[in-house]
Amino acid sequence: MKTLHDQISDVIEQEPVAVFMKGTPQMIMCGNSLRALQALHAAGAPITAVDILPDPRIRLELSAISGWPTIPQVFVKGELIGGADITEELSASGELQSKLDAALGAERDQSVKVVELEL
């Protein structure tokens, strides 16, 4: 089994858009996580979500990797975009759409999936 560090790193590096959030897109447990998801949906992003709530080690390891203390954390092609406020601001200005177009192409799947980490 891969370490928690490796599992989190794999999601960040391999998924086009990764959102580490409280809850899942089907069961959102935090207003900021909801705001980040709404901004990503509006920009047409495919979303891979990871729920950080099952174990406090997920959040600790994620913050150690990203250097970002708060949740949610949004990554596009391995690059930390930020949390809810930054994601919303980028969406409102059109920069998020441009970033997604550049990273993933204008014709992209708008799927939503959830990855569960093995603890």
N, C-alpha and C. Protein backbone atom coordinates (compact mmCIF):
# COMPACT_ATOMS: atom_id res chain seq x y z
N MET A 1 0.85 -1.19 0.00
CA MET A 1 0.00 0.00 0.00
C MET A 1 0.89 1.25 0.00
N LYS A 2 0.50 2.22 -0.77
CA LYS A 2 1.23 3.48 -0.82
C LYS A 2 1.03 4.27 0.47
N THR A 3 2.02 5.09 0.80
CA THR A 3 1.87 5.97 1.96
C THR A 3 0.82 7.03 1.67
N LEU A 4 0.32 7.64 2.72
CA LEU A 4 -0.67 8.72 2.57
C LEU A 4 -0.06 9.86 1.74
N HIS A 5 1.21 10.18 2.01
CA HIS A 5 1.91 11.23 1.26
C HIS A 5 1.89 10.91 -0.24
N ASP A 6 2.22 9.67 -0.58
CA ASP A 6 2.25 9.26 -1.99
C ASP A 6 0.86 9.31 -2.63
N GLN A 7 -0.15 8.88 -1.88
CA GLN A 7 -1.52 8.90 -2.42
C GLN A 7 -1.97 10.33 -2.72
N ILE A 8 -1.71 11.24 -1.78
CA ILE A 8 -2.10 12.65 -1.98
C ILE A 8 -1.32 13.24 -3.15
N SER A 9 -0.03 12.99 -3.20
CA SER A 9 0.81 13.50 -4.30
C SER A 9 0.33 12.96 -5.64
N ASP A 10 -0.05 11.69 -5.69
CA ASP A 10 -0.54 11.10 -6.94
C ASP A 10 -1.80 11.80 -7.43
N VAL A 11 -2.73 12.08 -6.52
CA VAL A 11 -3.97 12.78 -6.91
C VAL A 11 -3.62 14.17 -7.46
N ILE A 12 -2.76 14.89 -6.75
CA ILE A 12 -2.39 16.25 -7.18
C ILE A 12 -1.73 16.21 -8.57
N GLU A 13 -0.83 15.26 -8.77
CA GLU A 13 -0.06 15.21 -10.02
C GLU A 13 -0.82 14.59 -11.18
N GLN A 14 -1.70 13.63 -10.91
CA GLN A 14 -2.32 12.87 -12.00
C GLN A 14 -3.71 13.37 -12.40
N GLU A 15 -4.42 14.02 -11.50
CA GLU A 15 -5.77 14.47 -11.83
C GLU A 15 -5.71 15.88 -12.43
N PRO A 16 -6.49 16.13 -13.49
CA PRO A 16 -6.47 17.47 -14.12
C PRO A 16 -6.84 18.58 -13.14
N VAL A 17 -7.90 18.36 -12.36
CA VAL A 17 -8.32 19.32 -11.33
C VAL A 17 -8.64 18.52 -10.07
N ALA A 18 -7.88 18.78 -9.01
CA ALA A 18 -8.09 18.09 -7.74
C ALA A 18 -8.57 19.09 -6.70
N VAL A 19 -9.60 18.69 -5.95
CA VAL A 19 -10.13 19.53 -4.88
C VAL A 19 -10.12 18.71 -3.60
N PHE A 20 -9.33 19.15 -2.65
CA PHE A 20 -9.32 18.54 -1.33
C PHE A 20 -10.29 19.35 -0.49
N MET A 21 -11.36 18.71 -0.03
CA MET A 21 -12.49 19.44 0.56
C MET A 21 -13.04 18.71 1.78
N LYS A 22 -13.94 19.40 2.46
CA LYS A 22 -14.65 18.78 3.58
C LYS A 22 -15.95 18.21 3.00
N GLY A 23 -16.01 16.87 2.98
CA GLY A 23 -17.14 16.19 2.38
C GLY A 23 -16.84 15.81 0.94
N THR A 24 -17.89 15.52 0.19
CA THR A 24 -17.77 15.16 -1.22
C THR A 24 -18.72 16.05 -2.01
N PRO A 25 -18.60 16.10 -3.34
CA PRO A 25 -19.55 16.91 -4.12
C PRO A 25 -21.01 16.50 -3.88
N GLN A 26 -21.23 15.25 -3.51
CA GLN A 26 -22.59 14.78 -3.24
C GLN A 26 -23.04 15.11 -1.81
N MET A 27 -22.08 15.30 -0.91
CA MET A 27 -22.39 15.56 0.49
C MET A 27 -21.38 16.58 1.02
N ILE A 28 -21.59 17.85 0.65
CA ILE A 28 -20.65 18.92 1.00
C ILE A 28 -20.84 19.29 2.47
N MET A 29 -19.73 19.33 3.21
CA MET A 29 -19.79 19.57 4.65
C MET A 29 -19.23 20.94 5.05
N CYS A 30 -19.06 21.85 4.08
CA CYS A 30 -18.42 23.12 4.40
C CYS A 30 -18.80 24.15 3.32
N GLY A 31 -19.16 25.35 3.76
CA GLY A 31 -19.54 26.39 2.82
C GLY A 31 -18.41 26.79 1.87
N ASN A 32 -17.17 26.81 2.38
CA ASN A 32 -16.05 27.17 1.51
C ASN A 32 -15.81 26.11 0.44
N SER A 33 -15.98 24.84 0.81
CA SER A 33 -15.84 23.77 -0.18
C SER A 33 -16.91 23.92 -1.26
N LEU A 34 -18.13 24.26 -0.86
CA LEU A 34 -19.22 24.49 -1.81
C LEU A 34 -18.87 25.64 -2.76
N ARG A 35 -18.35 26.73 -2.22
CA ARG A 35 -18.00 27.89 -3.06
C ARG A 35 -16.93 27.55 -4.09
N ALA A 36 -15.92 26.79 -3.66
CA ALA A 36 -14.85 26.39 -4.60
C ALA A 36 -15.42 25.50 -5.70
N LEU A 37 -16.28 24.55 -5.33
CA LEU A 37 -16.90 23.67 -6.34
C LEU A 37 -17.75 24.47 -7.32
N GLN A 38 -18.54 25.41 -6.82
CA GLN A 38 -19.38 26.22 -7.69
C GLN A 38 -18.55 27.02 -8.69
N ALA A 39 -17.43 27.57 -8.23
CA ALA A 39 -16.55 28.34 -9.12
C ALA A 39 -15.95 27.42 -10.19
N LEU A 40 -15.55 26.22 -9.80
CA LEU A 40 -14.98 25.26 -10.75
C LEU A 40 -16.04 24.80 -11.77
N HIS A 41 -17.25 24.53 -11.28
CA HIS A 41 -18.34 24.16 -12.19
C HIS A 41 -18.60 25.27 -13.21
N ALA A 42 -18.64 26.50 -12.72
CA ALA A 42 -18.92 27.65 -13.60
C ALA A 42 -17.86 27.80 -14.69
N ALA A 43 -16.62 27.40 -14.36
CA ALA A 43 -15.53 27.51 -15.33
C ALA A 43 -15.41 26.26 -16.21
N GLY A 44 -16.29 25.29 -15.97
CA GLY A 44 -16.29 24.09 -16.79
C GLY A 44 -15.18 23.10 -16.47
N ALA A 45 -14.81 23.00 -15.21
CA ALA A 45 -13.71 22.12 -14.81
C ALA A 45 -14.18 20.69 -14.56
N PRO A 46 -13.37 19.71 -14.99
CA PRO A 46 -13.60 18.36 -14.48
C PRO A 46 -13.10 18.35 -13.04
N ILE A 47 -13.78 17.66 -12.15
CA ILE A 47 -13.43 17.74 -10.74
C ILE A 47 -13.15 16.35 -10.18
N THR A 48 -12.01 16.23 -9.52
CA THR A 48 -11.70 15.04 -8.73
C THR A 48 -11.61 15.52 -7.29
N ALA A 49 -12.52 15.02 -6.46
CA ALA A 49 -12.60 15.47 -5.07
C ALA A 49 -12.04 14.43 -4.12
N VAL A 50 -11.39 14.93 -3.06
CA VAL A 50 -10.91 14.08 -1.98
C VAL A 50 -11.46 14.67 -0.67
N ASP A 51 -12.18 13.84 0.08
CA ASP A 51 -12.72 14.25 1.37
C ASP A 51 -11.62 14.15 2.41
N ILE A 52 -11.33 15.27 3.09
CA ILE A 52 -10.27 15.27 4.10
C ILE A 52 -10.80 14.89 5.48
N LEU A 53 -12.12 14.74 5.63
CA LEU A 53 -12.71 14.52 6.95
C LEU A 53 -12.52 13.13 7.56
N PRO A 54 -12.36 12.05 6.78
CA PRO A 54 -12.26 10.73 7.41
C PRO A 54 -11.11 10.57 8.40
N ASP A 55 -10.04 11.32 8.23
CA ASP A 55 -8.88 11.15 9.12
C ASP A 55 -8.09 12.46 9.16
N PRO A 56 -7.77 12.96 10.38
CA PRO A 56 -7.03 14.23 10.48
C PRO A 56 -5.65 14.18 9.81
N ARG A 57 -5.10 12.98 9.62
CA ARG A 57 -3.78 12.86 8.98
C ARG A 57 -3.83 13.34 7.53
N ILE A 58 -4.99 13.22 6.89
CA ILE A 58 -5.10 13.67 5.48
C ILE A 58 -4.81 15.16 5.40
N ARG A 59 -5.46 15.93 6.25
CA ARG A 59 -5.27 17.39 6.23
C ARG A 59 -3.83 17.76 6.57
N LEU A 60 -3.27 17.10 7.57
CA LEU A 60 -1.88 17.40 7.98
C LEU A 60 -0.91 17.11 6.84
N GLU A 61 -1.07 15.97 6.20
CA GLU A 61 -0.17 15.58 5.12
C GLU A 61 -0.36 16.50 3.91
N LEU A 62 -1.61 16.82 3.59
CA LEU A 62 -1.90 17.72 2.47
C LEU A 62 -1.23 19.08 2.69
N SER A 63 -1.39 19.65 3.87
CA SER A 63 -0.80 20.96 4.16
C SER A 63 0.72 20.91 4.14
N ALA A 64 1.30 19.77 4.56
CA ALA A 64 2.75 19.60 4.50
C ALA A 64 3.23 19.60 3.05
N ILE A 65 2.44 19.00 2.17
CA ILE A 65 2.80 18.93 0.75
C ILE A 65 2.62 20.29 0.07
N SER A 66 1.47 20.93 0.33
CA SER A 66 1.12 22.15 -0.41
C SER A 66 1.66 23.42 0.22
N GLY A 67 1.90 23.39 1.53
CA GLY A 67 2.28 24.60 2.23
C GLY A 67 1.10 25.55 2.45
N TRP A 68 -0.11 25.05 2.23
CA TRP A 68 -1.33 25.85 2.36
C TRP A 68 -2.13 25.31 3.54
N PRO A 69 -2.49 26.16 4.52
CA PRO A 69 -3.08 25.64 5.75
C PRO A 69 -4.59 25.34 5.70
N THR A 70 -5.32 26.00 4.82
CA THR A 70 -6.78 25.91 4.90
C THR A 70 -7.35 24.93 3.88
N ILE A 71 -8.63 24.60 4.10
CA ILE A 71 -9.39 23.72 3.22
C ILE A 71 -10.57 24.53 2.72
N PRO A 72 -10.97 24.44 1.47
CA PRO A 72 -10.49 23.52 0.46
C PRO A 72 -9.16 23.97 -0.16
N GLN A 73 -8.54 23.01 -0.87
CA GLN A 73 -7.36 23.31 -1.67
C GLN A 73 -7.65 22.82 -3.08
N VAL A 74 -7.45 23.72 -4.05
CA VAL A 74 -7.72 23.42 -5.46
C VAL A 74 -6.41 23.38 -6.23
N PHE A 75 -6.22 22.31 -6.98
CA PHE A 75 -5.02 22.14 -7.83
C PHE A 75 -5.45 21.96 -9.27
N VAL A 76 -4.75 22.63 -10.20
CA VAL A 76 -4.96 22.41 -11.63
C VAL A 76 -3.63 21.93 -12.20
N LYS A 77 -3.64 20.73 -12.76
CA LYS A 77 -2.43 20.13 -13.34
C LYS A 77 -1.25 20.19 -12.37
N GLY A 78 -1.51 19.86 -11.10
CA GLY A 78 -0.45 19.80 -10.11
C GLY A 78 -0.08 21.12 -9.46
N GLU A 79 -0.68 22.22 -9.93
CA GLU A 79 -0.36 23.55 -9.38
C GLU A 79 -1.44 23.98 -8.40
N LEU A 80 -1.03 24.39 -7.20
CA LEU A 80 -1.98 24.89 -6.22
C LEU A 80 -2.55 26.22 -6.69
N ILE A 81 -3.86 26.26 -6.84
CA ILE A 81 -4.54 27.51 -7.20
C ILE A 81 -4.85 28.30 -5.93
N GLY A 82 -5.34 27.59 -4.91
CA GLY A 82 -5.66 28.22 -3.64
C GLY A 82 -6.93 27.64 -3.05
N GLY A 83 -7.58 28.44 -2.21
CA GLY A 83 -8.81 28.01 -1.56
C GLY A 83 -10.03 28.59 -2.22
N ALA A 84 -11.11 28.68 -1.47
CA ALA A 84 -12.39 29.13 -2.02
C ALA A 84 -12.33 30.58 -2.53
N ASP A 85 -11.77 31.49 -1.73
CA ASP A 85 -11.74 32.91 -2.13
C ASP A 85 -10.98 33.11 -3.44
N ILE A 86 -9.80 32.53 -3.52
CA ILE A 86 -8.97 32.71 -4.72
C ILE A 86 -9.63 32.05 -5.92
N THR A 87 -10.19 30.87 -5.73
CA THR A 87 -10.85 30.16 -6.83
C THR A 87 -12.04 30.97 -7.34
N GLU A 88 -12.82 31.54 -6.41
CA GLU A 88 -13.96 32.39 -6.80
C GLU A 88 -13.50 33.64 -7.55
N GLU A 89 -12.44 34.29 -7.04
CA GLU A 89 -11.93 35.49 -7.70
C GLU A 89 -11.44 35.18 -9.11
N LEU A 90 -10.72 34.07 -9.27
CA LEU A 90 -10.23 33.68 -10.60
C LEU A 90 -11.39 33.35 -11.53
N SER A 91 -12.43 32.74 -10.99
CA SER A 91 -13.61 32.40 -11.80
C SER A 91 -14.32 33.68 -12.25
N ALA A 92 -14.51 34.61 -11.31
CA ALA A 92 -15.21 35.86 -11.63
C ALA A 92 -14.48 36.69 -12.67
N SER A 93 -13.15 36.65 -12.65
CA SER A 93 -12.36 37.46 -13.58
C SER A 93 -12.16 36.77 -14.93
N GLY A 94 -12.52 35.50 -14.99
CA GLY A 94 -12.31 34.74 -16.23
C GLY A 94 -10.95 34.06 -16.27
N GLU A 95 -10.09 34.34 -15.28
CA GLU A 95 -8.75 33.75 -15.27
C GLU A 95 -8.79 32.24 -15.06
N LEU A 96 -9.75 31.76 -14.27
CA LEU A 96 -9.84 30.32 -14.01
C LEU A 96 -10.15 29.58 -15.31
N GLN A 97 -11.10 30.11 -16.08
CA GLN A 97 -11.45 29.51 -17.38
C GLN A 97 -10.22 29.48 -18.30
N SER A 98 -9.48 30.59 -18.34
CA SER A 98 -8.28 30.67 -19.17
C SER A 98 -7.23 29.66 -18.73
N LYS A 99 -7.05 29.54 -17.41
CA LYS A 99 -6.07 28.60 -16.85
C LYS A 99 -6.47 27.17 -17.20
N LEU A 100 -7.75 26.87 -17.10
CA LEU A 100 -8.24 25.52 -17.44
C LEU A 100 -8.09 25.26 -18.94
N ASP A 101 -8.42 26.26 -19.76
CA ASP A 101 -8.28 26.10 -21.22
C ASP A 101 -6.82 25.81 -21.58
N ALA A 102 -5.90 26.56 -20.95
CA ALA A 102 -4.48 26.39 -21.25
C ALA A 102 -3.97 25.03 -20.77
N ALA A 103 -4.43 24.60 -19.60
CA ALA A 103 -3.93 23.36 -19.01
C ALA A 103 -4.59 22.12 -19.60
N LEU A 104 -5.89 22.22 -19.90
CA LEU A 104 -6.67 21.03 -20.27
C LEU A 104 -7.28 21.08 -21.66
N GLY A 105 -7.21 22.26 -22.31
CA GLY A 105 -7.88 22.41 -23.60
C GLY A 105 -9.30 22.89 -23.40
N ALA A 106 -9.84 23.57 -24.40
CA ALA A 106 -11.18 24.15 -24.30
C ALA A 106 -12.26 23.06 -24.31
N GLU A 107 -12.02 21.98 -25.04
CA GLU A 107 -12.98 20.88 -25.08
C GLU A 107 -12.58 19.88 -24.00
N ARG A 108 -13.26 19.94 -22.88
CA ARG A 108 -12.89 19.03 -21.79
C ARG A 108 -14.13 18.42 -21.14
N ASP A 109 -13.91 17.27 -20.59
CA ASP A 109 -14.94 16.55 -19.87
C ASP A 109 -15.25 17.28 -18.58
N GLN A 110 -16.52 17.38 -18.23
CA GLN A 110 -16.89 18.05 -16.98
C GLN A 110 -17.35 17.02 -15.95
N SER A 111 -16.62 15.94 -15.87
CA SER A 111 -16.97 14.87 -14.95
C SER A 111 -16.67 15.27 -13.51
N VAL A 112 -17.31 14.56 -12.60
CA VAL A 112 -17.04 14.74 -11.17
C VAL A 112 -16.81 13.34 -10.60
N LYS A 113 -15.66 13.17 -9.95
CA LYS A 113 -15.40 11.89 -9.30
C LYS A 113 -14.81 12.12 -7.93
N VAL A 114 -14.90 11.08 -7.10
CA VAL A 114 -14.37 11.15 -5.76
C VAL A 114 -13.30 10.08 -5.61
N VAL A 115 -12.16 10.44 -5.05
CA VAL A 115 -11.09 9.49 -4.76
C VAL A 115 -11.03 9.31 -3.25
N GLU A 116 -11.09 8.06 -2.81
CA GLU A 116 -10.95 7.76 -1.39
C GLU A 116 -9.54 7.28 -1.13
N LEU A 117 -8.89 7.91 -0.17
CA LEU A 117 -7.52 7.52 0.18
C LEU A 117 -7.56 6.30 1.09
N GLU A 118 -6.58 5.43 0.95
CA GLU A 118 -6.47 4.25 1.80
C GLU A 118 -5.66 4.61 3.03
N LEU A 119 -6.30 4.51 4.19
CA LEU A 119 -5.64 4.91 5.44
C LEU A 119 -5.14 3.71 6.21
